Amino acid sequence: MRLEMHGLKYELDDPLKDHIERRLRSALGRLEGRIDRVTVTLTDVNGPRGGPDKRCRIAVSLAPRGGVIVTGVGSDPFALVSRAASRAGRATRRALDRRRRTSARTVCLS
């Protein structure tokens, strides 16, 4: 599983990068063999105006095809990444379960 982290109008410091990696490994670790790449993008939407201005987008590319995209908005980037990583883990498991059920049904119908 390749992990890419990007900050748009937002600087990703080392503690935040470590937190992102830890949370994603925790949420997606069991599924690592079926995941090709995970891309995390943190954006500061409002700039210095304040408010819930951070957006986190996690895109999980599944092998050999398909993917899951999860987004979230909040003011604390650490909490935002934690929530988005948990949601990405659940969504990825659901997508893989759907894929398994569909392929099993296809085999039974053949």
PDB file of N, CA and C in Angstrom:
ATOM      1  N   MET A   1       0.853  -1.169   0.000  1.00  0.00           N
ATOM      2  CA  MET A   1       0.000   0.000   0.000  1.00  0.00           C
ATOM      3  C   MET A   1       0.898   1.230   0.000  1.00  0.00           C
ATOM      4  N   ARG A   2       0.773   2.014  -1.047  1.00  0.00           N
ATOM      5  CA  ARG A   2       1.510   3.280  -1.117  1.00  0.00           C
ATOM      6  C   ARG A   2       0.659   4.372  -0.484  1.00  0.00           C
ATOM      7  N   LEU A   3       1.298   5.212   0.316  1.00  0.00           N
ATOM      8  CA  LEU A   3       0.603   6.295   0.982  1.00  0.00           C
ATOM      9  C   LEU A   3       1.163   7.621   0.497  1.00  0.00           C
ATOM     10  N   GLU A   4       0.271   8.466  -0.036  1.00  0.00           N
ATOM     11  CA  GLU A   4       0.655   9.794  -0.496  1.00  0.00           C
ATOM     12  C   GLU A   4      -0.099  10.822   0.336  1.00  0.00           C
ATOM     13  N   MET A   5       0.617  11.861   0.800  1.00  0.00           N
ATOM     14  CA  MET A   5       0.006  12.921   1.598  1.00  0.00           C
ATOM     15  C   MET A   5       0.285  14.262   0.939  1.00  0.00           C
ATOM     16  N   HIS A   6      -0.766  15.063   0.816  1.00  0.00           N
ATOM     17  CA  HIS A   6      -0.645  16.372   0.185  1.00  0.00           C
ATOM     18  C   HIS A   6      -1.355  17.412   1.051  1.00  0.00           C
ATOM     19  N   GLY A   7      -0.815  18.603   1.062  1.00  0.00           N
ATOM     20  CA  GLY A   7      -1.459  19.734   1.715  1.00  0.00           C
ATOM     21  C   GLY A   7      -1.698  20.827   0.697  1.00  0.00           C
ATOM     22  N   LEU A   8      -2.947  21.243   0.535  1.00  0.00           N
ATOM     23  CA  LEU A   8      -3.286  22.342  -0.365  1.00  0.00           C
ATOM     24  C   LEU A   8      -3.608  23.562   0.490  1.00  0.00           C
ATOM     25  N   LYS A   9      -2.790  24.593   0.359  1.00  0.00           N
ATOM     26  CA  LYS A   9      -2.915  25.796   1.179  1.00  0.00           C
ATOM     27  C   LYS A   9      -2.793  25.459   2.662  1.00  0.00           C
ATOM     28  N   TYR A  10      -2.115  24.353   2.955  1.00  0.00           N
ATOM     29  CA  TYR A  10      -1.963  23.895   4.333  1.00  0.00           C
ATOM     30  C   TYR A  10      -0.656  23.116   4.434  1.00  0.00           C
ATOM     31  N   GLU A  11       0.152  23.477   5.415  1.00  0.00           N
ATOM     32  CA  GLU A  11       1.450  22.823   5.603  1.00  0.00           C
ATOM     33  C   GLU A  11       1.285  21.581   6.480  1.00  0.00           C
ATOM     34  N   LEU A  12       1.721  20.438   5.976  1.00  0.00           N
ATOM     35  CA  LEU A  12       1.678  19.201   6.749  1.00  0.00           C
ATOM     36  C   LEU A  12       2.989  19.074   7.515  1.00  0.00           C
ATOM     37  N   ASP A  13       2.929  19.227   8.837  1.00  0.00           N
ATOM     38  CA  ASP A  13       4.139  19.076   9.634  1.00  0.00           C
ATOM     39  C   ASP A  13       4.351  17.596   9.986  1.00  0.00           C
ATOM     40  N   ASP A  14       5.513  17.286  10.540  1.00  0.00           N
ATOM     41  CA  ASP A  14       5.863  15.891  10.817  1.00  0.00           C
ATOM     42  C   ASP A  14       4.916  15.201  11.798  1.00  0.00           C
ATOM     43  N   PRO A  15       4.499  15.844  12.909  1.00  0.00           N
ATOM     44  CA  PRO A  15       3.545  15.161  13.789  1.00  0.00           C
ATOM     45  C   PRO A  15       2.226  14.818  13.093  1.00  0.00           C
ATOM     46  N   LEU A  16       1.760  15.695  12.222  1.00  0.00           N
ATOM     47  CA  LEU A  16       0.518  15.418  11.503  1.00  0.00           C
ATOM     48  C   LEU A  16       0.718  14.293  10.493  1.00  0.00           C
ATOM     49  N   LYS A  17       1.847  14.275   9.804  1.00  0.00           N
ATOM     50  CA  LYS A  17       2.136  13.184   8.866  1.00  0.00           C
ATOM     51  C   LYS A  17       2.210  11.847   9.590  1.00  0.00           C
ATOM     52  N   ASP A  18       2.850  11.824  10.759  1.00  0.00           N
ATOM     53  CA  ASP A  18       2.922  10.591  11.546  1.00  0.00           C
ATOM     54  C   ASP A  18       1.534  10.142  11.983  1.00  0.00           C
ATOM     55  N   HIS A  19       0.703  11.101  12.390  1.00  0.00           N
ATOM     56  CA  HIS A  19      -0.660  10.781  12.809  1.00  0.00           C
ATOM     57  C   HIS A  19      -1.467  10.205  11.641  1.00  0.00           C
ATOM     58  N   ILE A  20      -1.346  10.809  10.473  1.00  0.00           N
ATOM     59  CA  ILE A  20      -2.057  10.321   9.289  1.00  0.00           C
ATOM     60  C   ILE A  20      -1.637   8.883   8.983  1.00  0.00           C
ATOM     61  N   GLU A  21      -0.342   8.639   8.979  1.00  0.00           N
ATOM     62  CA  GLU A  21       0.139   7.287   8.666  1.00  0.00           C
ATOM     63  C   GLU A  21      -0.330   6.272   9.696  1.00  0.00           C
ATOM     64  N   ARG A  22      -0.252   6.618  10.985  1.00  0.00           N
ATOM     65  CA  ARG A  22      -0.688   5.701  12.048  1.00  0.00           C
ATOM     66  C   ARG A  22      -2.170   5.380  11.932  1.00  0.00           C
ATOM     67  N   ARG A  23      -2.992   6.405  11.736  1.00  0.00           N
ATOM     68  CA  ARG A  23      -4.435   6.178  11.668  1.00  0.00           C
ATOM     69  C   ARG A  23      -4.835   5.354  10.447  1.00  0.00           C
ATOM     70  N   LEU A  24      -4.190   5.608   9.310  1.00  0.00           N
ATOM     71  CA  LEU A  24      -4.529   4.847   8.108  1.00  0.00           C
ATOM     72  C   LEU A  24      -4.044   3.409   8.199  1.00  0.00           C
ATOM     73  N   ARG A  25      -2.870   3.198   8.758  1.00  0.00           N
ATOM     74  CA  ARG A  25      -2.384   1.820   8.944  1.00  0.00           C
ATOM     75  C   ARG A  25      -3.309   1.066   9.896  1.00  0.00           C
ATOM     76  N   SER A  26      -3.809   1.761  10.913  1.00  0.00           N
ATOM     77  CA  SER A  26      -4.731   1.129  11.855  1.00  0.00           C
ATOM     78  C   SER A  26      -6.069   0.800  11.183  1.00  0.00           C
ATOM     79  N   ALA A  27      -6.593   1.720  10.409  1.00  0.00           N
ATOM     80  CA  ALA A  27      -7.909   1.537   9.793  1.00  0.00           C
ATOM     81  C   ALA A  27      -7.878   0.589   8.601  1.00  0.00           C
ATOM     82  N   LEU A  28      -6.768   0.581   7.855  1.00  0.00           N
ATOM     83  CA  LEU A  28      -6.712  -0.193   6.605  1.00  0.00           C
ATOM     84  C   LEU A  28      -5.693  -1.330   6.630  1.00  0.00           C
ATOM     85  N   GLY A  29      -5.038  -1.535   7.753  1.00  0.00           N
ATOM     86  CA  GLY A  29      -3.937  -2.496   7.827  1.00  0.00           C
ATOM     87  C   GLY A  29      -4.298  -3.903   7.374  1.00  0.00           C
ATOM     88  N   ARG A  30      -5.439  -4.409   7.816  1.00  0.00           N
ATOM     89  CA  ARG A  30      -5.842  -5.771   7.442  1.00  0.00           C
ATOM     90  C   ARG A  30      -6.120  -5.902   5.948  1.00  0.00           C
ATOM     91  N   LEU A  31      -6.470  -4.803   5.324  1.00  0.00           N
ATOM     92  CA  LEU A  31      -6.849  -4.821   3.911  1.00  0.00           C
ATOM     93  C   LEU A  31      -5.689  -4.440   3.005  1.00  0.00           C
ATOM     94  N   GLU A  32      -4.499  -4.305   3.565  1.00  0.00           N
ATOM     95  CA  GLU A  32      -3.362  -3.753   2.835  1.00  0.00           C
ATOM     96  C   GLU A  32      -3.066  -4.503   1.536  1.00  0.00           C
ATOM     97  N   GLY A  33      -3.247  -5.792   1.513  1.00  0.00           N
ATOM     98  CA  GLY A  33      -2.966  -6.574   0.313  1.00  0.00           C
ATOM     99  C   GLY A  33      -3.902  -6.271  -0.845  1.00  0.00           C
ATOM    100  N   ARG A  34      -5.056  -5.716  -0.560  1.00  0.00           N
ATOM    101  CA  ARG A  34      -6.036  -5.416  -1.607  1.00  0.00           C
ATOM    102  C   ARG A  34      -6.059  -3.954  -2.000  1.00  0.00           C
ATOM    103  N   ILE A  35      -5.192  -3.164  -1.355  1.00  0.00           N
ATOM    104  CA  ILE A  35      -5.151  -1.727  -1.612  1.00  0.00           C
ATOM    105  C   ILE A  35      -3.883  -1.395  -2.381  1.00  0.00           C
ATOM    106  N   ASP A  36      -4.048  -0.672  -3.464  1.00  0.00           N
ATOM    107  CA  ASP A  36      -2.911  -0.254  -4.266  1.00  0.00           C
ATOM    108  C   ASP A  36      -2.295   1.030  -3.725  1.00  0.00           C
ATOM    109  N   ARG A  37      -3.133   2.054  -3.509  1.00  0.00           N
ATOM    110  CA  ARG A  37      -2.622   3.351  -3.098  1.00  0.00           C
ATOM    111  C   ARG A  37      -3.670   4.080  -2.261  1.00  0.00           C
ATOM    112  N   VAL A  38      -3.194   4.862  -1.294  1.00  0.00           N
ATOM    113  CA  VAL A  38      -4.053   5.724  -0.488  1.00  0.00           C
ATOM    114  C   VAL A  38      -3.516   7.142  -0.617  1.00  0.00           C
ATOM    115  N   THR A  39      -4.373   8.076  -1.001  1.00  0.00           N
ATOM    116  CA  THR A  39      -3.984   9.470  -1.148  1.00  0.00           C
ATOM    117  C   THR A  39      -4.783  10.304  -0.156  1.00  0.00           C
ATOM    118  N   VAL A  40      -4.080  11.060   0.682  1.00  0.00           N
ATOM    119  CA  VAL A  40      -4.706  11.931   1.669  1.00  0.00           C
ATOM    120  C   VAL A  40      -4.397  13.369   1.282  1.00  0.00           C
ATOM    121  N   THR A  41      -5.443  14.190   1.180  1.00  0.00           N
ATOM    122  CA  THR A  41      -5.269  15.602   0.861  1.00  0.00           C
ATOM    123  C   THR A  41      -5.949  16.429   1.930  1.00  0.00           C
ATOM    124  N   LEU A  42      -5.176  17.284   2.592  1.00  0.00           N
ATOM    125  CA  LEU A  42      -5.715  18.225   3.575  1.00  0.00           C
ATOM    126  C   LEU A  42      -5.698  19.617   2.959  1.00  0.00           C
ATOM    127  N   THR A  43      -6.825  20.306   3.046  1.00  0.00           N
ATOM    128  CA  THR A  43      -6.962  21.627   2.448  1.00  0.00           C
ATOM    129  C   THR A  43      -7.467  22.604   3.490  1.00  0.00           C
ATOM    130  N   ASP A  44      -6.901  23.798   3.494  1.00  0.00           N
ATOM    131  CA  ASP A  44      -7.414  24.882   4.320  1.00  0.00           C
ATOM    132  C   ASP A  44      -8.359  25.689   3.436  1.00  0.00           C
ATOM    133  N   VAL A  45      -9.652  25.506   3.642  1.00  0.00           N
ATOM    134  CA  VAL A  45     -10.659  26.072   2.756  1.00  0.00           C
ATOM    135  C   VAL A  45     -10.817  27.572   2.964  1.00  0.00           C
ATOM    136  N   ASN A  46     -10.915  28.025   4.214  1.00  0.00           N
ATOM    137  CA  ASN A  46     -11.210  29.430   4.507  1.00  0.00           C
ATOM    138  C   ASN A  46      -9.977  30.283   4.716  1.00  0.00           C
ATOM    139  N   GLY A  47      -8.818  29.695   4.786  1.00  0.00           N
ATOM    140  CA  GLY A  47      -7.619  30.481   5.064  1.00  0.00           C
ATOM    141  C   GLY A  47      -7.649  31.012   6.486  1.00  0.00           C
ATOM    142  N   PRO A  48      -7.292  32.269   6.707  1.00  0.00           N
ATOM    143  CA  PRO A  48      -7.222  32.810   8.062  1.00  0.00           C
ATOM    144  C   PRO A  48      -8.575  33.212   8.663  1.00  0.00           C
ATOM    145  N   ARG A  49      -9.674  33.022   7.956  1.00  0.00           N
ATOM    146  CA  ARG A  49     -10.979  33.463   8.471  1.00  0.00           C
ATOM    147  C   ARG A  49     -11.474  32.624   9.637  1.00  0.00           C
ATOM    148  N   GLY A  50     -10.994  31.395   9.788  1.00  0.00           N
ATOM    149  CA  GLY A  50     -11.405  30.549  10.906  1.00  0.00           C
ATOM    150  C   GLY A  50     -12.625  29.716  10.589  1.00  0.00           C
ATOM    151  N   GLY A  51     -13.193  29.101  11.618  1.00  0.00           N
ATOM    152  CA  GLY A  51     -14.347  28.227  11.453  1.00  0.00           C
ATOM    153  C   GLY A  51     -13.910  26.821  11.067  1.00  0.00           C
ATOM    154  N   PRO A  52     -14.874  25.954  10.776  1.00  0.00           N
ATOM    155  CA  PRO A  52     -14.522  24.582  10.360  1.00  0.00           C
ATOM    156  C   PRO A  52     -13.956  24.618   8.949  1.00  0.00           C
ATOM    157  N   ASP A  53     -12.696  24.920   8.882  1.00  0.00           N
ATOM    158  CA  ASP A  53     -12.128  25.264   7.589  1.00  0.00           C
ATOM    159  C   ASP A  53     -11.137  24.256   7.028  1.00  0.00           C
ATOM    160  N   LYS A  54     -10.967  23.123   7.649  1.00  0.00           N
ATOM    161  CA  LYS A  54     -10.054  22.105   7.117  1.00  0.00           C
ATOM    162  C   LYS A  54     -10.891  21.025   6.434  1.00  0.00           C
ATOM    163  N   ARG A  55     -10.445  20.618   5.272  1.00  0.00           N
ATOM    164  CA  ARG A  55     -11.125  19.535   4.549  1.00  0.00           C
ATOM    165  C   ARG A  55     -10.120  18.415   4.353  1.00  0.00           C
ATOM    166  N   CYS A  56     -10.541  17.202   4.662  1.00  0.00           N
ATOM    167  CA  CYS A  56      -9.707  16.018   4.476  1.00  0.00           C
ATOM    168  C   CYS A  56     -10.376  15.120   3.446  1.00  0.00           C
ATOM    169  N   ARG A  57      -9.608  14.727   2.451  1.00  0.00           N
ATOM    170  CA  ARG A  57     -10.107  13.828   1.410  1.00  0.00           C
ATOM    171  C   ARG A  57      -9.176  12.629   1.371  1.00  0.00           C
ATOM    172  N   ILE A  58      -9.734  11.440   1.556  1.00  0.00           N
ATOM    173  CA  ILE A  58      -8.962  10.202   1.500  1.00  0.00           C
ATOM    174  C   ILE A  58      -9.489   9.385   0.327  1.00  0.00           C
ATOM    175  N   ALA A  59      -8.597   9.087  -0.607  1.00  0.00           N
ATOM    176  CA  ALA A  59      -8.948   8.272  -1.773  1.00  0.00           C
ATOM    177  C   ALA A  59      -8.183   6.962  -1.678  1.00  0.00           C
ATOM    178  N   VAL A  60      -8.920   5.853  -1.664  1.00  0.00           N
ATOM    179  CA  VAL A  60      -8.336   4.523  -1.577  1.00  0.00           C
ATOM    180  C   VAL A  60      -8.514   3.850  -2.932  1.00  0.00           C
ATOM    181  N   SER A  61      -7.395   3.507  -3.580  1.00  0.00           N
ATOM    182  CA  SER A  61      -7.438   2.810  -4.863  1.00  0.00           C
ATOM    183  C   SER A  61      -7.280   1.322  -4.598  1.00  0.00           C
ATOM    184  N   LEU A  62      -8.284   0.558  -5.012  1.00  0.00           N
ATOM    185  CA  LEU A  62      -8.271  -0.884  -4.772  1.00  0.00           C
ATOM    186  C   LEU A  62      -7.632  -1.609  -5.944  1.00  0.00           C
ATOM    187  N   ALA A  63      -6.972  -2.710  -5.633  1.00  0.00           N
ATOM    188  CA  ALA A  63      -6.361  -3.542  -6.667  1.00  0.00           C
ATOM    189  C   ALA A  63      -7.354  -4.626  -7.039  1.00  0.00           C
ATOM    190  N   PRO A  64      -7.568  -4.977  -8.254  1.00  0.00           N
ATOM    191  CA  PRO A  64      -6.980  -4.455  -9.467  1.00  0.00           C
ATOM    192  C   PRO A  64      -7.701  -3.230  -9.997  1.00  0.00           C
ATOM    193  N   ARG A  65      -8.920  -2.939  -9.496  1.00  0.00           N
ATOM    194  CA  ARG A  65      -9.635  -1.758  -9.956  1.00  0.00           C
ATOM    195  C   ARG A  65     -10.631  -1.333  -8.890  1.00  0.00           C
ATOM    196  N   GLY A  66     -11.134  -0.145  -9.034  1.00  0.00           N
ATOM    197  CA  GLY A  66     -12.123   0.374  -8.104  1.00  0.00           C
ATOM    198  C   GLY A  66     -11.487   1.270  -7.065  1.00  0.00           C
ATOM    199  N   GLY A  67     -12.341   1.866  -6.261  1.00  0.00           N
ATOM    200  CA  GLY A  67     -11.825   2.730  -5.234  1.00  0.00           C
ATOM    201  C   GLY A  67     -12.911   3.303  -4.356  1.00  0.00           C
ATOM    202  N   VAL A  68     -12.470   3.975  -3.301  1.00  0.00           N
ATOM    203  CA  VAL A  68     -13.354   4.583  -2.320  1.00  0.00           C
ATOM    204  C   VAL A  68     -12.827   5.985  -2.049  1.00  0.00           C
ATOM    205  N   ILE A  69     -13.734   6.958  -1.946  1.00  0.00           N
ATOM    206  CA  ILE A  69     -13.349   8.322  -1.603  1.00  0.00           C
ATOM    207  C   ILE A  69     -14.185   8.771  -0.411  1.00  0.00           C
ATOM    208  N   VAL A  70     -13.498   9.307   0.604  1.00  0.00           N
ATOM    209  CA  VAL A  70     -14.144   9.789   1.817  1.00  0.00           C
ATOM    210  C   VAL A  70     -13.682  11.221   2.045  1.00  0.00           C
ATOM    211  N   THR A  71     -14.614  12.101   2.397  1.00  0.00           N
ATOM    212  CA  THR A  71     -14.253  13.484   2.715  1.00  0.00           C
ATOM    213  C   THR A  71     -14.846  13.870   4.061  1.00  0.00           C
ATOM    214  N   GLY A  72     -14.228  14.851   4.686  1.00  0.00           N
ATOM    215  CA  GLY A  72     -14.724  15.366   5.952  1.00  0.00           C
ATOM    216  C   GLY A  72     -14.269  16.797   6.129  1.00  0.00           C
ATOM    217  N   VAL A  73     -14.989  17.530   6.977  1.00  0.00           N
ATOM    218  CA  VAL A  73     -14.666  18.928   7.245  1.00  0.00           C
ATOM    219  C   VAL A  73     -14.634  19.124   8.754  1.00  0.00           C
ATOM    220  N   GLY A  74     -13.678  19.907   9.232  1.00  0.00           N
ATOM    221  CA  GLY A  74     -13.571  20.205  10.653  1.00  0.00           C
ATOM    222  C   GLY A  74     -12.511  21.252  10.906  1.00  0.00           C
ATOM    223  N   SER A  75     -12.339  21.608  12.159  1.00  0.00           N
ATOM    224  CA  SER A  75     -11.349  22.631  12.485  1.00  0.00           C
ATOM    225  C   SER A  75     -10.055  22.030  13.029  1.00  0.00           C
ATOM    226  N   ASP A  76     -10.110  20.855  13.666  1.00  0.00           N
ATOM    227  CA  ASP A  76      -8.924  20.199  14.203  1.00  0.00           C
ATOM    228  C   ASP A  76      -8.440  19.149  13.207  1.00  0.00           C
ATOM    229  N   PRO A  77      -7.265  19.331  12.604  1.00  0.00           N
ATOM    230  CA  PRO A  77      -6.823  18.389  11.575  1.00  0.00           C
ATOM    231  C   PRO A  77      -6.577  16.973  12.110  1.00  0.00           C
ATOM    232  N   PHE A  78      -6.159  16.832  13.370  1.00  0.00           N
ATOM    233  CA  PHE A  78      -5.903  15.507  13.922  1.00  0.00           C
ATOM    234  C   PHE A  78      -7.207  14.723  14.090  1.00  0.00           C
ATOM    235  N   ALA A  79      -8.227  15.371  14.660  1.00  0.00           N
ATOM    236  CA  ALA A  79      -9.531  14.728  14.812  1.00  0.00           C
ATOM    237  C   ALA A  79     -10.166  14.460  13.458  1.00  0.00           C
ATOM    238  N   LEU A  80      -9.993  15.378  12.548  1.00  0.00           N
ATOM    239  CA  LEU A  80     -10.554  15.231  11.206  1.00  0.00           C
ATOM    240  C   LEU A  80      -9.960  14.017  10.495  1.00  0.00           C
ATOM    241  N   VAL A  81      -8.649  13.858  10.576  1.00  0.00           N
ATOM    242  CA  VAL A  81      -7.981  12.716   9.951  1.00  0.00           C
ATOM    243  C   VAL A  81      -8.430  11.415  10.614  1.00  0.00           C
ATOM    244  N   SER A  82      -8.571  11.415  11.932  1.00  0.00           N
ATOM    245  CA  SER A  82      -9.001  10.207  12.638  1.00  0.00           C
ATOM    246  C   SER A  82     -10.391   9.769  12.189  1.00  0.00           C
ATOM    247  N   ARG A  83     -11.335  10.713  12.127  1.00  0.00           N
ATOM    248  CA  ARG A  83     -12.692  10.374  11.680  1.00  0.00           C
ATOM    249  C   ARG A  83     -12.704   9.900  10.235  1.00  0.00           C
ATOM    250  N   ALA A  84     -11.993  10.610   9.370  1.00  0.00           N
ATOM    251  CA  ALA A  84     -11.974  10.239   7.951  1.00  0.00           C
ATOM    252  C   ALA A  84     -11.312   8.879   7.739  1.00  0.00           C
ATOM    253  N   ALA A  85     -10.256   8.577   8.485  1.00  0.00           N
ATOM    254  CA  ALA A  85      -9.587   7.276   8.347  1.00  0.00           C
ATOM    255  C   ALA A  85     -10.519   6.151   8.781  1.00  0.00           C
ATOM    256  N   SER A  86     -11.249   6.343   9.870  1.00  0.00           N
ATOM    257  CA  SER A  86     -12.213   5.322  10.308  1.00  0.00           C
ATOM    258  C   SER A  86     -13.288   5.103   9.261  1.00  0.00           C
ATOM    259  N   ARG A  87     -13.810   6.194   8.714  1.00  0.00           N
ATOM    260  CA  ARG A  87     -14.836   6.080   7.668  1.00  0.00           C
ATOM    261  C   ARG A  87     -14.273   5.401   6.424  1.00  0.00           C
ATOM    262  N   ALA A  88     -13.021   5.717   6.072  1.00  0.00           N
ATOM    263  CA  ALA A  88     -12.397   5.096   4.903  1.00  0.00           C
ATOM    264  C   ALA A  88     -12.230   3.599   5.114  1.00  0.00           C
ATOM    265  N   GLY A  89     -11.872   3.194   6.324  1.00  0.00           N
ATOM    266  CA  GLY A  89     -11.747   1.770   6.621  1.00  0.00           C
ATOM    267  C   GLY A  89     -13.067   1.040   6.467  1.00  0.00           C
ATOM    268  N   ARG A  90     -14.138   1.612   7.024  1.00  0.00           N
ATOM    269  CA  ARG A  90     -15.458   0.976   6.900  1.00  0.00           C
ATOM    270  C   ARG A  90     -15.922   0.933   5.447  1.00  0.00           C
ATOM    271  N   ALA A  91     -15.751   2.031   4.720  1.00  0.00           N
ATOM    272  CA  ALA A  91     -16.187   2.087   3.321  1.00  0.00           C
ATOM    273  C   ALA A  91     -15.396   1.113   2.455  1.00  0.00           C
ATOM    274  N   THR A  92     -14.108   0.967   2.720  1.00  0.00           N
ATOM    275  CA  THR A  92     -13.280   0.037   1.952  1.00  0.00           C
ATOM    276  C   THR A  92     -13.699  -1.402   2.224  1.00  0.00           C
ATOM    277  N   ARG A  93     -13.958  -1.730   3.492  1.00  0.00           N
ATOM    278  CA  ARG A  93     -14.432  -3.088   3.808  1.00  0.00           C
ATOM    279  C   ARG A  93     -15.762  -3.383   3.121  1.00  0.00           C
ATOM    280  N   ARG A  94     -16.672  -2.404   3.125  1.00  0.00           N
ATOM    281  CA  ARG A  94     -17.963  -2.602   2.445  1.00  0.00           C
ATOM    282  C   ARG A  94     -17.768  -2.820   0.950  1.00  0.00           C
ATOM    283  N   ALA A  95     -16.902  -2.025   0.328  1.00  0.00           N
ATOM    284  CA  ALA A  95     -16.661  -2.162  -1.117  1.00  0.00           C
ATOM    285  C   ALA A  95     -16.073  -3.538  -1.437  1.00  0.00           C
ATOM    286  N   LEU A  96     -15.144  -3.997  -0.618  1.00  0.00           N
ATOM    287  CA  LEU A  96     -14.544  -5.315  -0.863  1.00  0.00           C
ATOM    288  C   LEU A  96     -15.549  -6.434  -0.607  1.00  0.00           C
ATOM    289  N   ASP A  97     -16.409  -6.284   0.403  1.00  0.00           N
ATOM    290  CA  ASP A  97     -17.457  -7.282   0.648  1.00  0.00           C
ATOM    291  C   ASP A  97     -18.434  -7.341  -0.514  1.00  0.00           C
ATOM    292  N   ARG A  98     -18.811  -6.165  -1.033  1.00  0.00           N
ATOM    293  CA  ARG A  98     -19.706  -6.136  -2.198  1.00  0.00           C
ATOM    294  C   ARG A  98     -19.070  -6.825  -3.387  1.00  0.00           C
ATOM    295  N   ARG A  99     -17.789  -6.562  -3.597  1.00  0.00           N
ATOM    296  CA  ARG A  99     -17.074  -7.180  -4.714  1.00  0.00           C
ATOM    297  C   ARG A  99     -17.048  -8.701  -4.550  1.00  0.00           C
ATOM    298  N   ARG A 100     -16.801  -9.170  -3.324  1.00  0.00           N
ATOM    299  CA  ARG A 100     -16.743 -10.611  -3.072  1.00  0.00           C
ATOM    300  C   ARG A 100     -18.114 -11.248  -3.294  1.00  0.00           C
ATOM    301  N   ARG A 101     -19.183 -10.592  -2.802  1.00  0.00           N
ATOM    302  CA  ARG A 101     -20.527 -11.141  -2.992  1.00  0.00           C
ATOM    303  C   ARG A 101     -20.908 -11.171  -4.464  1.00  0.00           C
ATOM    304  N   THR A 102     -20.556 -10.137  -5.211  1.00  0.00           N
ATOM    305  CA  THR A 102     -20.890 -10.073  -6.629  1.00  0.00           C
ATOM    306  C   THR A 102     -20.148 -11.154  -7.403  1.00  0.00           C
ATOM    307  N   SER A 103     -18.866 -11.353  -7.108  1.00  0.00           N
ATOM    308  CA  SER A 103     -18.114 -12.376  -7.832  1.00  0.00           C
ATOM    309  C   SER A 103     -18.595 -13.766  -7.448  1.00  0.00           C
ATOM    310  N   ALA A 104     -18.994 -13.985  -6.194  1.00  0.00           N
ATOM    311  CA  ALA A 104     -19.511 -15.293  -5.792  1.00  0.00           C
ATOM    312  C   ALA A 104     -20.847 -15.575  -6.473  1.00  0.00           C
ATOM    313  N   ARG A 105     -21.678 -14.542  -6.602  1.00  0.00           N
ATOM    314  CA  ARG A 105     -22.966 -14.718  -7.263  1.00  0.00           C
ATOM    315  C   ARG A 105     -22.763 -14.998  -8.735  1.00  0.00           C
ATOM    316  N   THR A 106     -21.789 -14.356  -9.381  1.00  0.00           N
ATOM    317  CA  THR A 106     -21.492 -14.566 -10.790  1.00  0.00           C
ATOM    318  C   THR A 106     -21.027 -15.993 -11.035  1.00  0.00           C
ATOM    319  N   VAL A 107     -20.196 -16.509 -10.136  1.00  0.00           N
ATOM    320  CA  VAL A 107     -19.706 -17.880 -10.262  1.00  0.00           C
ATOM    321  C   VAL A 107     -20.845 -18.864 -10.118  1.00  0.00           C
ATOM    322  N   CYS A 108     -21.767 -18.606  -9.176  1.00  0.00           N
ATOM    323  CA  CYS A 108     -22.887 -19.520  -8.965  1.00  0.00           C
ATOM    324  C   CYS A 108     -23.858 -19.514 -10.145  1.00  0.00           C
ATOM    325  N   LEU A 109     -24.008 -18.388 -10.807  1.00  0.00           N
ATOM    326  CA  LEU A 109     -24.930 -18.296 -11.931  1.00  0.00           C
ATOM    327  C   LEU A 109     -24.357 -18.901 -13.213  1.00  0.00           C
ATOM    328  N   SER A 110     -23.056 -19.025 -13.286  1.00  0.00           N
ATOM    329  CA  SER A 110     -22.429 -19.527 -14.508  1.00  0.00           C
ATOM    330  C   SER A 110     -22.627 -20.997 -14.689  1.00  0.00           C
TER     331      SER A 110
END
